[in-house]
Amino acid sequence: MKKWQCILCGFIYDEVAGLPDEGIAPGTRWEAVSADWTCPHCAATKADFDMIAIVS
């Protein structure tokens, strides 16, 4: 399980936590997040920005 950070706004997606309020269950890997998902902070689409792995 990894964490991914939006390089546009800094929002962090944590695969362990998921985003239940966005309909993404805990444990959902980034690759399984829908291509039409949008960042809840900056509204960028998944295809519009790169995500980077955060090393714990």
PDB file of N, CA and C in Angstrom:
ATOM      1  N   MET A   1       0.841  -1.173   0.000  1.00  0.00           N
ATOM      2  CA  MET A   1       0.000   0.000   0.000  1.00  0.00           C
ATOM      3  C   MET A   1       0.891   1.243   0.000  1.00  0.00           C
ATOM      4  N   LYS A   2       0.515   2.202  -0.820  1.00  0.00           N
ATOM      5  CA  LYS A   2       1.311   3.417  -0.975  1.00  0.00           C
ATOM      6  C   LYS A   2       0.463   4.657  -0.746  1.00  0.00           C
ATOM      7  N   LYS A   3       1.138   5.778  -0.680  1.00  0.00           N
ATOM      8  CA  LYS A   3       0.493   7.084  -0.657  1.00  0.00           C
ATOM      9  C   LYS A   3       0.921   7.804  -1.924  1.00  0.00           C
ATOM     10  N   TRP A   4       0.008   8.561  -2.491  1.00  0.00           N
ATOM     11  CA  TRP A   4       0.272   9.297  -3.727  1.00  0.00           C
ATOM     12  C   TRP A   4      -0.070  10.756  -3.521  1.00  0.00           C
ATOM     13  N   GLN A   5       0.787  11.654  -4.041  1.00  0.00           N
ATOM     14  CA  GLN A   5       0.583  13.088  -3.840  1.00  0.00           C
ATOM     15  C   GLN A   5       0.358  13.780  -5.174  1.00  0.00           C
ATOM     16  N   CYS A   6      -0.664  14.586  -5.222  1.00  0.00           N
ATOM     17  CA  CYS A   6      -0.949  15.382  -6.413  1.00  0.00           C
ATOM     18  C   CYS A   6       0.144  16.441  -6.545  1.00  0.00           C
ATOM     19  N   ILE A   7       0.780  16.489  -7.692  1.00  0.00           N
ATOM     20  CA  ILE A   7       1.850  17.472  -7.865  1.00  0.00           C
ATOM     21  C   ILE A   7       1.307  18.866  -8.167  1.00  0.00           C
ATOM     22  N   LEU A   8       0.001  18.987  -8.374  1.00  0.00           N
ATOM     23  CA  LEU A   8      -0.581  20.305  -8.611  1.00  0.00           C
ATOM     24  C   LEU A   8      -0.971  21.002  -7.313  1.00  0.00           C
ATOM     25  N   CYS A   9      -1.568  20.249  -6.376  1.00  0.00           N
ATOM     26  CA  CYS A   9      -2.076  20.910  -5.161  1.00  0.00           C
ATOM     27  C   CYS A   9      -1.551  20.300  -3.865  1.00  0.00           C
ATOM     28  N   GLY A  10      -0.890  19.149  -3.935  1.00  0.00           N
ATOM     29  CA  GLY A  10      -0.349  18.533  -2.738  1.00  0.00           C
ATOM     30  C   GLY A  10      -1.278  17.555  -2.039  1.00  0.00           C
ATOM     31  N   PHE A  11      -2.494  17.360  -2.564  1.00  0.00           N
ATOM     32  CA  PHE A  11      -3.429  16.409  -1.968  1.00  0.00           C
ATOM     33  C   PHE A  11      -2.794  15.017  -1.913  1.00  0.00           C
ATOM     34  N   ILE A  12      -2.978  14.312  -0.811  1.00  0.00           N
ATOM     35  CA  ILE A  12      -2.402  12.978  -0.660  1.00  0.00           C
ATOM     36  C   ILE A  12      -3.502  11.937  -0.675  1.00  0.00           C
ATOM     37  N   TYR A  13      -3.366  10.959  -1.573  1.00  0.00           N
ATOM     38  CA  TYR A  13      -4.266   9.809  -1.608  1.00  0.00           C
ATOM     39  C   TYR A  13      -3.548   8.644  -0.943  1.00  0.00           C
ATOM     40  N   ASP A  14      -4.135   8.116   0.116  1.00  0.00           N
ATOM     41  CA  ASP A  14      -3.572   7.005   0.874  1.00  0.00           C
ATOM     42  C   ASP A  14      -4.373   5.749   0.529  1.00  0.00           C
ATOM     43  N   GLU A  15      -3.707   4.776  -0.100  1.00  0.00           N
ATOM     44  CA  GLU A  15      -4.395   3.553  -0.508  1.00  0.00           C
ATOM     45  C   GLU A  15      -5.005   2.820   0.687  1.00  0.00           C
ATOM     46  N   VAL A  16      -4.364   2.852   1.839  1.00  0.00           N
ATOM     47  CA  VAL A  16      -4.887   2.173   3.029  1.00  0.00           C
ATOM     48  C   VAL A  16      -6.222   2.790   3.430  1.00  0.00           C
ATOM     49  N   ALA A  17      -6.296   4.108   3.473  1.00  0.00           N
ATOM     50  CA  ALA A  17      -7.498   4.809   3.919  1.00  0.00           C
ATOM     51  C   ALA A  17      -8.565   4.902   2.840  1.00  0.00           C
ATOM     52  N   GLY A  18      -8.144   4.945   1.559  1.00  0.00           N
ATOM     53  CA  GLY A  18      -9.105   5.182   0.489  1.00  0.00           C
ATOM     54  C   GLY A  18      -9.725   6.561   0.650  1.00  0.00           C
ATOM     55  N   LEU A  19     -10.854   6.764   0.027  1.00  0.00           N
ATOM     56  CA  LEU A  19     -11.622   8.009   0.171  1.00  0.00           C
ATOM     57  C   LEU A  19     -13.099   7.635   0.244  1.00  0.00           C
ATOM     58  N   PRO A  20     -13.544   7.101   1.379  1.00  0.00           N
ATOM     59  CA  PRO A  20     -14.934   6.652   1.493  1.00  0.00           C
ATOM     60  C   PRO A  20     -15.962   7.718   1.110  1.00  0.00           C
ATOM     61  N   ASP A  21     -15.682   8.987   1.420  1.00  0.00           N
ATOM     62  CA  ASP A  21     -16.614  10.061   1.063  1.00  0.00           C
ATOM     63  C   ASP A  21     -16.708  10.267  -0.444  1.00  0.00           C
ATOM     64  N   GLU A  22     -15.689   9.790  -1.166  1.00  0.00           N
ATOM     65  CA  GLU A  22     -15.659   9.896  -2.625  1.00  0.00           C
ATOM     66  C   GLU A  22     -16.075   8.580  -3.284  1.00  0.00           C
ATOM     67  N   GLY A  23     -16.458   7.585  -2.463  1.00  0.00           N
ATOM     68  CA  GLY A  23     -16.867   6.290  -2.999  1.00  0.00           C
ATOM     69  C   GLY A  23     -15.714   5.344  -3.270  1.00  0.00           C
ATOM     70  N   ILE A  24     -14.527   5.641  -2.716  1.00  0.00           N
ATOM     71  CA  ILE A  24     -13.351   4.786  -2.909  1.00  0.00           C
ATOM     72  C   ILE A  24     -13.067   4.078  -1.586  1.00  0.00           C
ATOM     73  N   ALA A  25     -13.260   2.772  -1.593  1.00  0.00           N
ATOM     74  CA  ALA A  25     -13.135   1.976  -0.367  1.00  0.00           C
ATOM     75  C   ALA A  25     -11.696   1.931   0.137  1.00  0.00           C
ATOM     76  N   PRO A  26     -11.533   1.812   1.463  1.00  0.00           N
ATOM     77  CA  PRO A  26     -10.186   1.608   2.015  1.00  0.00           C
ATOM     78  C   PRO A  26      -9.535   0.394   1.355  1.00  0.00           C
ATOM     79  N   GLY A  27      -8.236   0.505   1.091  1.00  0.00           N
ATOM     80  CA  GLY A  27      -7.502  -0.580   0.458  1.00  0.00           C
ATOM     81  C   GLY A  27      -7.500  -0.524  -1.059  1.00  0.00           C
ATOM     82  N   THR A  28      -8.120   0.507  -1.650  1.00  0.00           N
ATOM     83  CA  THR A  28      -8.158   0.636  -3.112  1.00  0.00           C
ATOM     84  C   THR A  28      -6.841   1.189  -3.613  1.00  0.00           C
ATOM     85  N   ARG A  29      -6.163   0.417  -4.441  1.00  0.00           N
ATOM     86  CA  ARG A  29      -4.896   0.858  -5.032  1.00  0.00           C
ATOM     87  C   ARG A  29      -5.150   1.969  -6.033  1.00  0.00           C
ATOM     88  N   TRP A  30      -4.153   2.832  -6.192  1.00  0.00           N
ATOM     89  CA  TRP A  30      -4.256   3.978  -7.101  1.00  0.00           C
ATOM     90  C   TRP A  30      -4.639   3.537  -8.508  1.00  0.00           C
ATOM     91  N   GLU A  31      -4.076   2.431  -8.951  1.00  0.00           N
ATOM     92  CA  GLU A  31      -4.354   1.934 -10.295  1.00  0.00           C
ATOM     93  C   GLU A  31      -5.830   1.578 -10.481  1.00  0.00           C
ATOM     94  N   ALA A  32      -6.513   1.245  -9.391  1.00  0.00           N
ATOM     95  CA  ALA A  32      -7.919   0.856  -9.457  1.00  0.00           C
ATOM     96  C   ALA A  32      -8.875   2.045  -9.343  1.00  0.00           C
ATOM     97  N   VAL A  33      -8.350   3.219  -9.036  1.00  0.00           N
ATOM     98  CA  VAL A  33      -9.194   4.414  -8.968  1.00  0.00           C
ATOM     99  C   VAL A  33      -9.623   4.760 -10.392  1.00  0.00           C
ATOM    100  N   SER A  34     -10.896   5.056 -10.556  1.00  0.00           N
ATOM    101  CA  SER A  34     -11.459   5.340 -11.870  1.00  0.00           C
ATOM    102  C   SER A  34     -10.703   6.452 -12.605  1.00  0.00           C
ATOM    103  N   ALA A  35     -10.568   6.304 -13.911  1.00  0.00           N
ATOM    104  CA  ALA A  35      -9.878   7.302 -14.725  1.00  0.00           C
ATOM    105  C   ALA A  35     -10.614   8.643 -14.732  1.00  0.00           C
ATOM    106  N   ASP A  36     -11.915   8.640 -14.431  1.00  0.00           N
ATOM    107  CA  ASP A  36     -12.664   9.901 -14.420  1.00  0.00           C
ATOM    108  C   ASP A  36     -12.754  10.536 -13.024  1.00  0.00           C
ATOM    109  N   TRP A  37     -12.022   9.973 -12.065  1.00  0.00           N
ATOM    110  CA  TRP A  37     -11.955  10.543 -10.723  1.00  0.00           C
ATOM    111  C   TRP A  37     -11.292  11.915 -10.789  1.00  0.00           C
ATOM    112  N   THR A  38     -11.737  12.832  -9.962  1.00  0.00           N
ATOM    113  CA  THR A  38     -11.107  14.148  -9.894  1.00  0.00           C
ATOM    114  C   THR A  38     -10.610  14.404  -8.479  1.00  0.00           C
ATOM    115  N   CYS A  39      -9.530  15.108  -8.389  1.00  0.00           N
ATOM    116  CA  CYS A  39      -8.933  15.461  -7.106  1.00  0.00           C
ATOM    117  C   CYS A  39      -9.941  16.284  -6.299  1.00  0.00           C
ATOM    118  N   PRO A  40     -10.211  15.893  -5.048  1.00  0.00           N
ATOM    119  CA  PRO A  40     -11.186  16.640  -4.266  1.00  0.00           C
ATOM    120  C   PRO A  40     -10.720  18.035  -3.840  1.00  0.00           C
ATOM    121  N   HIS A  41      -9.447  18.331  -4.008  1.00  0.00           N
ATOM    122  CA  HIS A  41      -8.935  19.656  -3.612  1.00  0.00           C
ATOM    123  C   HIS A  41      -8.796  20.615  -4.782  1.00  0.00           C
ATOM    124  N   CYS A  42      -8.326  20.121  -5.931  1.00  0.00           N
ATOM    125  CA  CYS A  42      -8.092  21.042  -7.051  1.00  0.00           C
ATOM    126  C   CYS A  42      -8.906  20.695  -8.297  1.00  0.00           C
ATOM    127  N   ALA A  43      -9.676  19.608  -8.238  1.00  0.00           N
ATOM    128  CA  ALA A  43     -10.559  19.174  -9.322  1.00  0.00           C
ATOM    129  C   ALA A  43      -9.822  18.732 -10.588  1.00  0.00           C
ATOM    130  N   ALA A  44      -8.514  18.543 -10.508  1.00  0.00           N
ATOM    131  CA  ALA A  44      -7.780  18.011 -11.654  1.00  0.00           C
ATOM    132  C   ALA A  44      -8.193  16.560 -11.857  1.00  0.00           C
ATOM    133  N   THR A  45      -8.282  16.135 -13.106  1.00  0.00           N
ATOM    134  CA  THR A  45      -8.616  14.735 -13.358  1.00  0.00           C
ATOM    135  C   THR A  45      -7.377  13.882 -13.172  1.00  0.00           C
ATOM    136  N   LYS A  46      -7.573  12.623 -12.964  1.00  0.00           N
ATOM    137  CA  LYS A  46      -6.461  11.694 -12.771  1.00  0.00           C
ATOM    138  C   LYS A  46      -5.523  11.747 -13.975  1.00  0.00           C
ATOM    139  N   ALA A  47      -6.067  11.874 -15.150  1.00  0.00           N
ATOM    140  CA  ALA A  47      -5.267  11.914 -16.375  1.00  0.00           C
ATOM    141  C   ALA A  47      -4.527  13.238 -16.564  1.00  0.00           C
ATOM    142  N   ASP A  48      -4.971  14.286 -15.877  1.00  0.00           N
ATOM    143  CA  ASP A  48      -4.369  15.614 -16.053  1.00  0.00           C
ATOM    144  C   ASP A  48      -3.141  15.875 -15.214  1.00  0.00           C
ATOM    145  N   PHE A  49      -2.854  15.001 -14.250  1.00  0.00           N
ATOM    146  CA  PHE A  49      -1.665  15.237 -13.414  1.00  0.00           C
ATOM    147  C   PHE A  49      -1.002  13.948 -13.025  1.00  0.00           C
ATOM    148  N   ASP A  50       0.262  14.052 -12.714  1.00  0.00           N
ATOM    149  CA  ASP A  50       1.038  12.913 -12.260  1.00  0.00           C
ATOM    150  C   ASP A  50       0.945  12.808 -10.754  1.00  0.00           C
ATOM    151  N   MET A  51       1.038  11.595 -10.276  1.00  0.00           N
ATOM    152  CA  MET A  51       1.067  11.364  -8.840  1.00  0.00           C
ATOM    153  C   MET A  51       2.458  10.789  -8.522  1.00  0.00           C
ATOM    154  N   ILE A  52       2.955  11.095  -7.355  1.00  0.00           N
ATOM    155  CA  ILE A  52       4.264  10.579  -6.957  1.00  0.00           C
ATOM    156  C   ILE A  52       4.123   9.761  -5.692  1.00  0.00           C
ATOM    157  N   ALA A  53       4.884   8.675  -5.624  1.00  0.00           N
ATOM    158  CA  ALA A  53       4.855   7.832  -4.428  1.00  0.00           C
ATOM    159  C   ALA A  53       5.576   8.549  -3.310  1.00  0.00           C
ATOM    160  N   ILE A  54       5.019   8.508  -2.129  1.00  0.00           N
ATOM    161  CA  ILE A  54       5.629   9.094  -0.942  1.00  0.00           C
ATOM    162  C   ILE A  54       6.281   7.965  -0.164  1.00  0.00           C
ATOM    163  N   VAL A  55       7.559   8.077   0.069  1.00  0.00           N
ATOM    164  CA  VAL A  55       8.281   7.052   0.814  1.00  0.00           C
ATOM    165  C   VAL A  55       8.093   7.323   2.299  1.00  0.00           C
ATOM    166  N   SER A  56       7.624   6.314   3.010  1.00  0.00           N
ATOM    167  CA  SER A  56       7.369   6.492   4.439  1.00  0.00           C
ATOM    168  C   SER A  56       8.652   6.329   5.224  1.00  0.00           C
TER     169      SER A  56
END
